[in-house]
Protein backbone atom coordinates (compact mmCIF):
# COMPACT_ATOMS: atom_id res chain seq x y z
CA UNK A 1 33.22 136.94 179.14
CA UNK A 2 34.13 134.16 181.54
CA UNK A 3 31.88 133.11 184.38
CA UNK A 4 34.40 130.65 185.80
CA UNK A 5 35.50 131.61 189.29
CA UNK A 6 37.58 128.64 190.55
CA UNK A 7 37.36 125.14 191.96
CA UNK A 8 35.78 123.83 195.15
CA UNK A 9 36.08 120.49 197.00
CA UNK A 10 32.79 118.71 196.80
CA UNK A 11 33.31 117.24 200.27
CA UNK A 12 34.87 119.83 202.54
CA UNK A 13 34.08 122.94 200.39
CA UNK A 14 37.68 124.21 200.38
CA UNK A 15 38.28 126.53 197.45
CA UNK A 16 41.14 126.54 194.88
CA UNK A 17 42.19 128.60 191.81
CA UNK A 18 41.01 127.45 188.37
CA UNK A 19 44.12 125.50 187.58
CA UNK A 20 44.92 121.87 186.67
CA UNK A 21 43.92 120.44 189.98
CA UNK A 22 41.72 117.51 190.60
CA UNK A 23 41.84 116.52 194.26
CA UNK A 24 41.56 118.50 197.50
CA UNK A 25 44.82 118.73 199.37
CA UNK A 26 43.00 118.88 202.68
CA UNK A 27 40.54 115.92 202.49
CA UNK A 28 41.35 114.27 199.12
CA UNK A 29 37.86 114.94 197.88
CA UNK A 30 37.17 115.62 194.15
CA UNK A 31 37.16 119.16 192.92
CA UNK A 32 34.28 120.81 191.10
CA UNK A 33 34.07 124.04 189.05
CA UNK A 34 32.46 127.17 190.50
CA UNK A 35 30.82 130.00 188.60
CA UNK A 36 29.49 133.52 189.14
CA UNK A 37 25.90 132.31 189.20
CA UNK A 38 24.37 135.79 189.44
CA UNK A 39 26.22 136.81 186.33
CA UNK A 40 25.10 133.69 184.50
CA UNK A 41 21.49 134.40 185.34
CA UNK A 42 21.75 137.93 184.02
CA UNK A 43 23.50 136.88 180.81
CA UNK A 44 21.56 133.86 179.63
CA UNK A 45 18.04 133.42 178.18
CA UNK A 46 16.19 130.85 176.08
CA UNK A 47 16.30 133.33 173.21
CA UNK A 48 20.03 133.89 173.37
CA UNK A 49 20.69 130.14 173.45
CA UNK A 50 18.31 129.47 170.52
CA UNK A 51 20.03 132.12 168.42
CA UNK A 52 23.42 130.32 168.53
CA UNK A 53 24.92 127.61 166.34
CA UNK A 54 23.69 124.07 167.16
CA UNK A 55 26.77 122.85 169.12
CA UNK A 56 27.67 122.38 172.73
CA UNK A 57 29.00 125.95 173.06
CA UNK A 58 25.46 127.37 172.76
CA UNK A 59 25.50 126.91 176.58
CA UNK A 60 28.88 128.60 177.08
CA UNK A 61 27.84 130.57 180.14
CA UNK A 62 27.60 127.25 181.94
CA UNK A 63 30.99 125.97 180.79
CA UNK A 64 34.41 126.49 182.41
CA UNK A 65 36.49 128.38 179.91
CA UNK A 66 38.00 131.89 180.01
CA UNK A 67 38.00 132.83 176.33
CA UNK A 68 36.70 131.54 173.06
CA UNK A 69 36.21 127.82 172.42
CA UNK A 70 39.18 126.28 170.57
CA UNK A 71 37.46 123.07 169.36
CA UNK A 72 34.12 121.37 169.41
CA UNK A 73 32.42 123.87 167.17
CA UNK A 74 30.58 120.98 165.41
CA UNK A 75 30.06 118.82 168.50
CA UNK A 76 26.96 118.34 170.46
CA UNK A 77 23.26 119.21 169.79
CA UNK A 78 22.63 115.58 168.73
CA UNK A 79 19.18 114.31 167.90
CA UNK A 80 16.53 113.64 170.55
CA UNK A 81 14.39 111.07 168.73
CA UNK A 82 10.77 110.25 169.61
CA UNK A 83 11.13 106.48 169.50
CA UNK A 84 7.55 105.30 168.95
CA UNK A 85 8.30 101.84 167.52
CA UNK A 86 10.72 101.14 170.36
CA UNK A 87 8.08 102.42 172.84
CA UNK A 88 5.52 100.07 171.41
CA UNK A 89 7.92 97.14 171.80
CA UNK A 90 8.44 98.02 175.45
CA UNK A 91 4.82 98.88 176.10
CA UNK A 92 5.53 102.58 176.83
CA UNK A 93 3.68 105.71 175.91
CA UNK A 94 6.37 108.39 175.54
CA UNK A 95 9.97 107.26 174.91
CA UNK A 96 12.92 109.24 173.52
CA UNK A 97 16.41 108.33 172.48
CA UNK A 98 19.15 110.93 173.01
CA UNK A 99 21.49 109.77 170.27
CA UNK A 100 25.16 110.63 170.84
CA UNK A 101 26.11 107.81 168.54
CA UNK A 102 26.24 110.47 165.85
CA UNK A 103 28.15 113.10 167.82
CA UNK A 104 30.87 114.75 165.78
CA UNK A 105 33.65 113.97 165.15
CA UNK A 106 34.18 110.58 166.87
CA UNK A 107 30.64 109.31 167.40
CA UNK A 108 30.28 109.30 171.15
CA UNK A 109 29.32 111.49 174.03
CA UNK A 110 33.02 112.09 174.69
CA UNK A 111 32.91 114.76 172.01
CA UNK A 112 31.09 116.86 174.58
CA UNK A 113 33.58 116.65 177.40
CA UNK A 114 36.84 116.63 175.43
CA UNK A 115 36.35 120.00 173.69
CA UNK A 116 35.92 121.65 177.08
CA UNK A 117 39.05 119.94 178.55
CA UNK A 118 41.03 120.65 175.41
CA UNK A 119 40.14 124.29 175.36
CA UNK A 120 41.02 124.55 179.04
CA UNK A 121 44.33 122.76 178.39
CA UNK A 122 45.23 125.42 175.81
CA UNK A 123 44.22 128.21 178.12
CA UNK A 124 46.42 126.76 180.90
CA UNK A 125 49.39 126.52 178.53
CA UNK A 126 49.74 122.77 178.14
CA UNK A 127 51.47 121.38 175.03
CA UNK A 128 50.67 117.71 175.61
CA UNK A 129 47.07 116.46 175.88
CA UNK A 130 46.21 112.85 176.83
CA UNK A 131 43.84 110.54 178.58
CA UNK A 132 43.28 107.12 180.13
CA UNK A 133 40.48 105.48 178.15
CA UNK A 134 38.35 102.42 177.43
CA UNK A 135 38.19 103.62 173.79
CA UNK A 136 35.71 106.43 173.07
CA UNK A 137 37.63 108.97 175.06
CA UNK A 138 40.86 108.02 173.32
CA UNK A 139 39.15 108.54 169.92
CA UNK A 140 37.95 111.98 170.96
CA UNK A 141 41.12 113.18 172.62
CA UNK A 142 43.13 112.13 169.56
CA UNK A 143 40.83 113.88 167.15
CA UNK A 144 40.55 117.15 169.05
CA UNK A 145 44.29 117.20 169.79
CA UNK A 146 44.91 116.84 166.10
CA UNK A 147 42.65 119.73 165.36
CA UNK A 148 44.47 121.90 167.88
CA UNK A 149 47.98 120.73 166.95
CA UNK A 150 48.71 119.40 170.42
CA UNK A 151 51.07 116.48 171.03
CA UNK A 152 48.84 113.63 172.17
CA UNK A 153 49.24 110.48 174.23
CA UNK A 154 46.27 108.11 174.71
CA UNK A 155 46.64 105.22 177.12
CA UNK A 156 44.33 102.25 176.70
CA UNK A 157 43.96 98.62 177.92
CA UNK A 158 45.71 96.23 175.51
CA UNK A 159 42.46 94.19 175.14
CA UNK A 160 40.52 97.14 173.64
CA UNK A 161 38.36 96.51 170.57
CA UNK A 162 40.37 96.91 167.31
CA UNK A 163 37.90 99.41 165.95
CA UNK A 164 38.45 101.72 168.81
CA UNK A 165 42.21 101.41 168.61
CA UNK A 166 42.05 102.30 164.91
CA UNK A 167 39.71 105.20 165.66
CA UNK A 168 42.42 106.74 167.84
CA UNK A 169 45.48 105.81 165.84
CA UNK A 170 44.20 107.39 162.60
CA UNK A 171 44.47 110.86 164.16
CA UNK A 172 48.23 110.37 164.81
CA UNK A 173 48.54 110.29 168.61
CA UNK A 174 50.99 108.15 170.54
CA UNK A 175 48.80 105.11 171.40
CA UNK A 176 50.08 103.33 174.53
CA UNK A 177 48.49 99.94 175.14
CA UNK A 178 48.88 98.79 178.74
CA UNK A 179 48.82 95.22 180.02
CA UNK A 180 45.97 95.67 182.43
CA UNK A 181 42.40 96.94 182.82
CA UNK A 182 41.16 100.50 182.76
CA UNK A 183 41.89 101.09 186.46
CA UNK A 184 45.49 100.03 185.90
CA UNK A 185 45.70 102.42 182.98
CA UNK A 186 44.22 105.28 185.05
CA UNK A 187 46.70 104.80 187.86
CA UNK A 188 49.58 104.94 185.45
CA UNK A 189 48.31 108.06 183.77
CA UNK A 190 47.95 109.83 187.14
CA UNK A 191 51.67 109.12 187.74
CA UNK A 192 52.65 110.19 184.22
CA UNK A 193 50.75 113.45 184.48
CA UNK A 194 52.43 114.34 187.79
CA UNK A 195 55.88 113.28 186.52
CA UNK A 196 55.82 114.97 183.09
CA UNK A 197 53.41 117.86 183.69
CA UNK A 198 51.03 116.80 180.95
CA UNK A 199 47.32 117.58 180.70
CA UNK A 200 45.16 114.52 181.10
CA UNK A 201 41.51 115.20 180.10
CA UNK A 202 39.99 112.86 182.72
CA UNK A 203 42.58 113.26 185.50
CA UNK A 204 44.13 116.66 186.23
CA UNK A 205 41.58 118.40 183.97
CA UNK A 206 38.63 116.20 185.14
CA UNK A 207 36.77 119.09 186.85
CA UNK A 208 36.60 120.98 183.55
CA UNK A 209 36.12 117.88 181.38
CA UNK A 210 33.15 116.76 183.45
CA UNK A 211 31.31 120.00 183.02
CA UNK A 212 30.99 119.34 179.26
CA UNK A 213 28.64 116.46 180.09
CA UNK A 214 26.06 118.88 181.41
CA UNK A 215 25.28 119.79 177.78
CA UNK A 216 23.66 116.39 177.37
CA UNK A 217 21.07 117.44 179.94
CA UNK A 218 20.76 120.97 178.54
CA UNK A 219 19.91 119.61 175.15
CA UNK A 220 17.33 117.13 176.41
CA UNK A 221 15.42 119.97 178.10
CA UNK A 222 15.73 122.45 175.21
CA UNK A 223 14.74 119.79 172.56
CA UNK A 224 11.66 118.92 174.66
CA UNK A 225 10.54 122.57 174.59
CA UNK A 226 12.26 123.57 177.80
CA UNK A 227 10.51 120.88 179.87
CA UNK A 228 11.83 117.93 181.81
CA UNK A 229 11.10 114.27 181.07
CA UNK A 230 9.95 112.25 184.02
CA UNK A 231 12.84 109.67 183.73
CA UNK A 232 16.30 109.53 182.28
CA UNK A 233 18.21 106.22 182.00
CA UNK A 234 22.00 106.68 181.80
CA UNK A 235 24.96 104.25 181.53
CA UNK A 236 27.60 104.46 184.25
CA UNK A 237 31.31 103.89 183.73
CA UNK A 238 33.59 106.27 185.50
CA UNK A 239 30.52 108.22 186.61
CA UNK A 240 31.05 111.51 184.76
CA UNK A 241 27.87 111.67 182.77
CA UNK A 242 24.97 110.81 185.09
CA UNK A 243 25.61 113.41 187.86
CA UNK A 244 26.37 116.16 185.30
CA UNK A 245 23.15 115.51 183.48
CA UNK A 246 21.48 116.15 186.81
CA UNK A 247 23.57 119.25 187.44
CA UNK A 248 22.69 120.52 184.02
CA UNK A 249 18.99 120.21 184.89
CA UNK A 250 19.59 122.21 188.08
CA UNK A 251 21.64 124.81 186.31
CA UNK A 252 18.70 125.44 183.99
CA UNK A 253 16.30 125.72 186.98
CA UNK A 254 18.70 128.08 188.76
CA UNK A 255 18.91 130.32 185.67
CA UNK A 256 15.12 130.35 185.18
CA UNK A 257 15.31 128.55 181.87
CA UNK A 258 13.24 125.48 182.87
CA UNK A 259 10.25 124.94 185.11
CA UNK A 260 8.91 122.01 187.00
CA UNK A 261 10.45 119.04 188.70
CA UNK A 262 13.67 117.49 187.38
CA UNK A 263 13.44 113.86 186.34
CA UNK A 264 14.29 110.66 188.22
CA UNK A 265 17.65 109.48 187.03
CA UNK A 266 18.37 105.72 186.79
CA UNK A 267 21.77 104.06 186.50
CA UNK A 268 22.58 101.28 184.01
CA UNK A 269 25.58 99.03 184.25
CA UNK A 270 26.68 95.68 182.79
CA UNK A 271 26.32 92.73 185.15
CA UNK A 272 29.96 91.95 184.67
CA UNK A 273 31.01 95.37 186.02
CA UNK A 274 28.30 96.80 188.30
CA UNK A 275 29.92 98.36 191.37
CA UNK A 276 27.35 101.21 191.42
CA UNK A 277 24.32 98.89 191.14
CA UNK A 278 25.76 96.76 193.95
CA UNK A 279 26.14 99.87 196.11
CA UNK A 280 22.60 100.98 195.34
CA UNK A 281 21.25 97.53 196.25
CA UNK A 282 23.25 97.28 199.44
CA UNK A 283 22.78 100.91 200.61
CA UNK A 284 26.48 101.74 200.43
CA UNK A 285 27.77 105.29 200.23
CA UNK A 286 30.71 104.36 197.94
CA UNK A 287 31.03 101.63 195.32
CA UNK A 288 33.28 98.71 196.13
CA UNK A 289 35.80 98.12 193.32
CA UNK A 290 35.30 95.09 191.10
CA UNK A 291 37.27 93.39 188.30
CA UNK A 292 35.39 93.99 185.04
CA UNK A 293 34.25 90.95 182.96
CA UNK A 294 31.80 92.12 180.25
CA UNK A 295 31.45 92.74 176.55
CA UNK A 296 30.61 96.35 177.35
CA UNK A 297 34.19 97.49 177.46
CA UNK A 298 33.48 101.23 177.18
CA UNK A 299 31.73 101.11 180.61
CA UNK A 300 33.98 98.47 182.17
CA UNK A 301 35.43 100.59 184.90
CA UNK A 302 35.59 98.63 188.14
CA UNK A 303 36.46 101.60 190.38
CA UNK A 304 34.43 104.61 189.13
CA UNK A 305 36.06 107.89 190.07
CA UNK A 306 32.70 109.63 190.44
CA UNK A 307 30.81 106.65 191.90
CA UNK A 308 29.92 108.54 195.07
CA UNK A 309 28.32 111.34 193.03
CA UNK A 310 26.41 108.82 190.92
CA UNK A 311 24.94 107.19 194.02
CA UNK A 312 24.05 110.49 195.57
CA UNK A 313 22.43 111.76 192.38
CA UNK A 314 20.37 108.67 191.75
CA UNK A 315 19.09 108.69 195.36
CA UNK A 316 18.33 112.37 195.51
CA UNK A 317 16.45 112.23 192.23
CA UNK A 318 14.34 109.30 193.42
CA UNK A 319 15.80 107.12 190.72
CA UNK A 320 16.98 103.48 190.72
CA UNK A 321 19.34 101.23 188.82
CA UNK A 322 19.85 97.78 187.42
CA UNK A 323 22.40 95.66 185.63
CA UNK A 324 22.15 93.81 182.31
CA UNK A 325 23.85 90.55 181.33
CA UNK A 326 25.90 90.37 178.16
CA UNK A 327 23.12 88.43 176.44
CA UNK A 328 20.57 91.08 177.41
CA UNK A 329 22.90 93.80 176.15
CA UNK A 330 23.27 92.14 172.73
CA UNK A 331 19.50 91.60 172.47
CA UNK A 332 18.91 95.28 173.28
CA UNK A 333 21.37 96.44 170.60
CA UNK A 334 19.40 94.46 168.07
CA UNK A 335 16.05 95.73 169.34
CA UNK A 336 17.12 99.39 169.00
CA UNK A 337 18.43 98.78 165.52
CA UNK A 338 15.29 96.90 164.37
CA UNK A 339 12.82 99.44 165.79
CA UNK A 340 14.59 102.75 165.29
CA UNK A 341 17.50 102.12 162.91
CA UNK A 342 20.12 103.15 165.50
CA UNK A 343 23.19 100.94 165.91
CA UNK A 344 24.67 101.46 169.35
CA UNK A 345 27.66 99.98 171.08
CA UNK A 346 27.27 97.77 174.18
CA UNK A 347 27.00 100.80 176.51
CA UNK A 348 23.79 101.81 174.72
CA UNK A 349 22.60 98.22 174.70
CA UNK A 350 23.14 98.19 178.48
CA UNK A 351 21.08 101.33 178.89
CA UNK A 352 18.18 100.00 176.85
CA UNK A 353 18.26 96.58 178.47
CA UNK A 354 18.14 98.24 181.89
CA UNK A 355 15.35 100.48 180.71
CA UNK A 356 13.31 97.40 179.77
CA UNK A 357 14.02 95.86 183.21
CA UNK A 358 12.97 98.93 185.08
CA UNK A 359 9.79 99.23 183.10
CA UNK A 360 8.97 95.58 183.81
CA UNK A 361 9.72 96.10 187.53
CA UNK A 362 7.52 99.22 187.72
CA UNK A 363 10.36 101.55 188.60
CA UNK A 364 9.50 103.42 185.42
CA UNK A 365 5.80 103.62 184.86
CA UNK A 366 4.81 102.85 181.27
CA UNK A 367 2.84 106.04 180.83
CA UNK A 368 5.60 108.45 181.95
CA UNK A 369 8.00 110.17 179.55
CA UNK A 370 11.48 108.63 179.52
CA UNK A 371 14.77 109.42 177.82
CA UNK A 372 17.26 106.66 177.06
CA UNK A 373 20.84 107.87 176.82
CA UNK A 374 22.67 106.35 173.85
CA UNK A 375 26.29 107.35 174.17
CA UNK A 376 28.32 105.53 171.52
CA UNK A 377 28.23 104.01 168.04
CA UNK A 378 27.91 100.30 167.25
CA UNK A 379 30.09 100.44 164.14
CA UNK A 380 33.08 100.67 166.47
CA UNK A 381 32.16 97.38 168.17
CA UNK A 382 30.43 95.44 165.42
CA UNK A 383 32.09 92.18 166.41
CA UNK A 384 29.95 92.09 169.54
CA UNK A 385 26.78 91.38 167.63
CA UNK A 386 28.18 89.63 164.58
CA UNK A 387 27.50 86.09 165.84
CA UNK A 388 23.85 86.91 166.69
CA UNK A 389 23.02 87.98 163.12
CA UNK A 390 21.83 85.83 160.29
CA UNK A 391 24.22 85.27 157.41
CA UNK A 392 23.30 86.83 154.02
CA UNK A 393 21.17 84.74 151.77
CA UNK A 394 23.48 83.48 148.90
CA UNK A 395 21.83 83.28 145.44
CA UNK A 396 22.95 83.20 141.88
CA UNK A 397 22.28 85.97 139.38
CA UNK A 398 19.08 84.73 137.86
CA UNK A 399 15.55 85.98 138.57
CA UNK A 400 14.40 82.34 138.72
CA UNK A 401 16.61 81.67 141.73
CA UNK A 402 15.25 84.77 143.48
CA UNK A 403 11.72 83.74 142.77
CA UNK A 404 12.40 80.29 144.15
CA UNK A 405 13.77 81.91 147.26
CA UNK A 406 10.61 84.11 147.63
CA UNK A 407 8.41 81.07 147.18
CA UNK A 408 10.23 79.30 150.00
CA UNK A 409 9.71 82.37 152.23
CA UNK A 410 6.03 82.45 151.44
CA UNK A 411 5.72 78.78 152.18
CA UNK A 412 7.54 79.16 155.49
CA UNK A 413 5.19 81.99 156.55
CA UNK A 414 1.95 80.28 155.64
CA UNK A 415 -0.26 79.51 158.65
CA UNK A 416 -0.53 75.84 159.64
CA UNK A 417 -4.08 74.57 159.03
CA UNK A 418 -5.97 72.06 161.17
């Protein structure tokens, strides 16, 4: 059974059919999905959700498809890790890492949103599926299109990390590298979608695509025993994830699946691309576009499509935000790996670096439960941290050489007397 009823403009509230539309033709506002909320409340329960397979579709009543899921049957329900060693390093009492760096099949949170968009593309009769991407989305679109047998075009900035280009190309899409940044790529894809009638996950299917991000919030609450944390720290790129985590929390409240007060949600951006943080600091309603200059390429979007919604969500939740320098991002990547064994890409390093700042500033009290959103895998961007790591110790094959090496280590770690 489908609970999808249509689309609605988030600004003027005009309604539209559930088609491949993304902007209001009356006020140019972004469109959002609407549901039969009464039917959802009657249909869903904690028990029914718990009885289903551990993937994103366990929350299908809250997702915008008409029939059965076409892909994503092994995506989602990633670990929520109690990060005690990391908490100790930050001086916190209760800290969790929501780890989408192991999301299947392409190791990022995009494997939540793409299955929803891809399923909807099939339902609407599209034969070509594509995206504008800073890397992770291209990987996911290519993989899910391959599974569905859809012709696929992924558009990326030419300067994208080689690992992410390879991660898309291996699935056999048409990879189109554009001489420009993400915002240039996105503008071109909007034109291509209109000209050729193709489905673009994050453009003309954006309303459906974005709903998949709610599952990140659903899982946090379910994995905490149907309770809310007090704080969530989330990276911001185009702005899809943060507002939908909040919407997921409110969906659970509306359906009677969670009790209490939803958390404060905090935004994390790289200092070299921080239009949302600037808008928060300056009291602006909309972010002012910037030209990205940061190692955190997956969140280097200078003109975030959902920036208005991010700002509104952060403010309404009582949250805050901060930006991290590239050096702070690299340091945080190492900290997470050394304390919890999780290797994240720069987006995750940004989120952790900002978490540390907000704790030090008092915006996140040290004794309140906090979830850090890790959205991508560091093995795709290993070059970012390579220069900060020590080279391997080179030894010969004899035990004597190893013992000499260990003796030097013991000598180096002896306390200085006197």
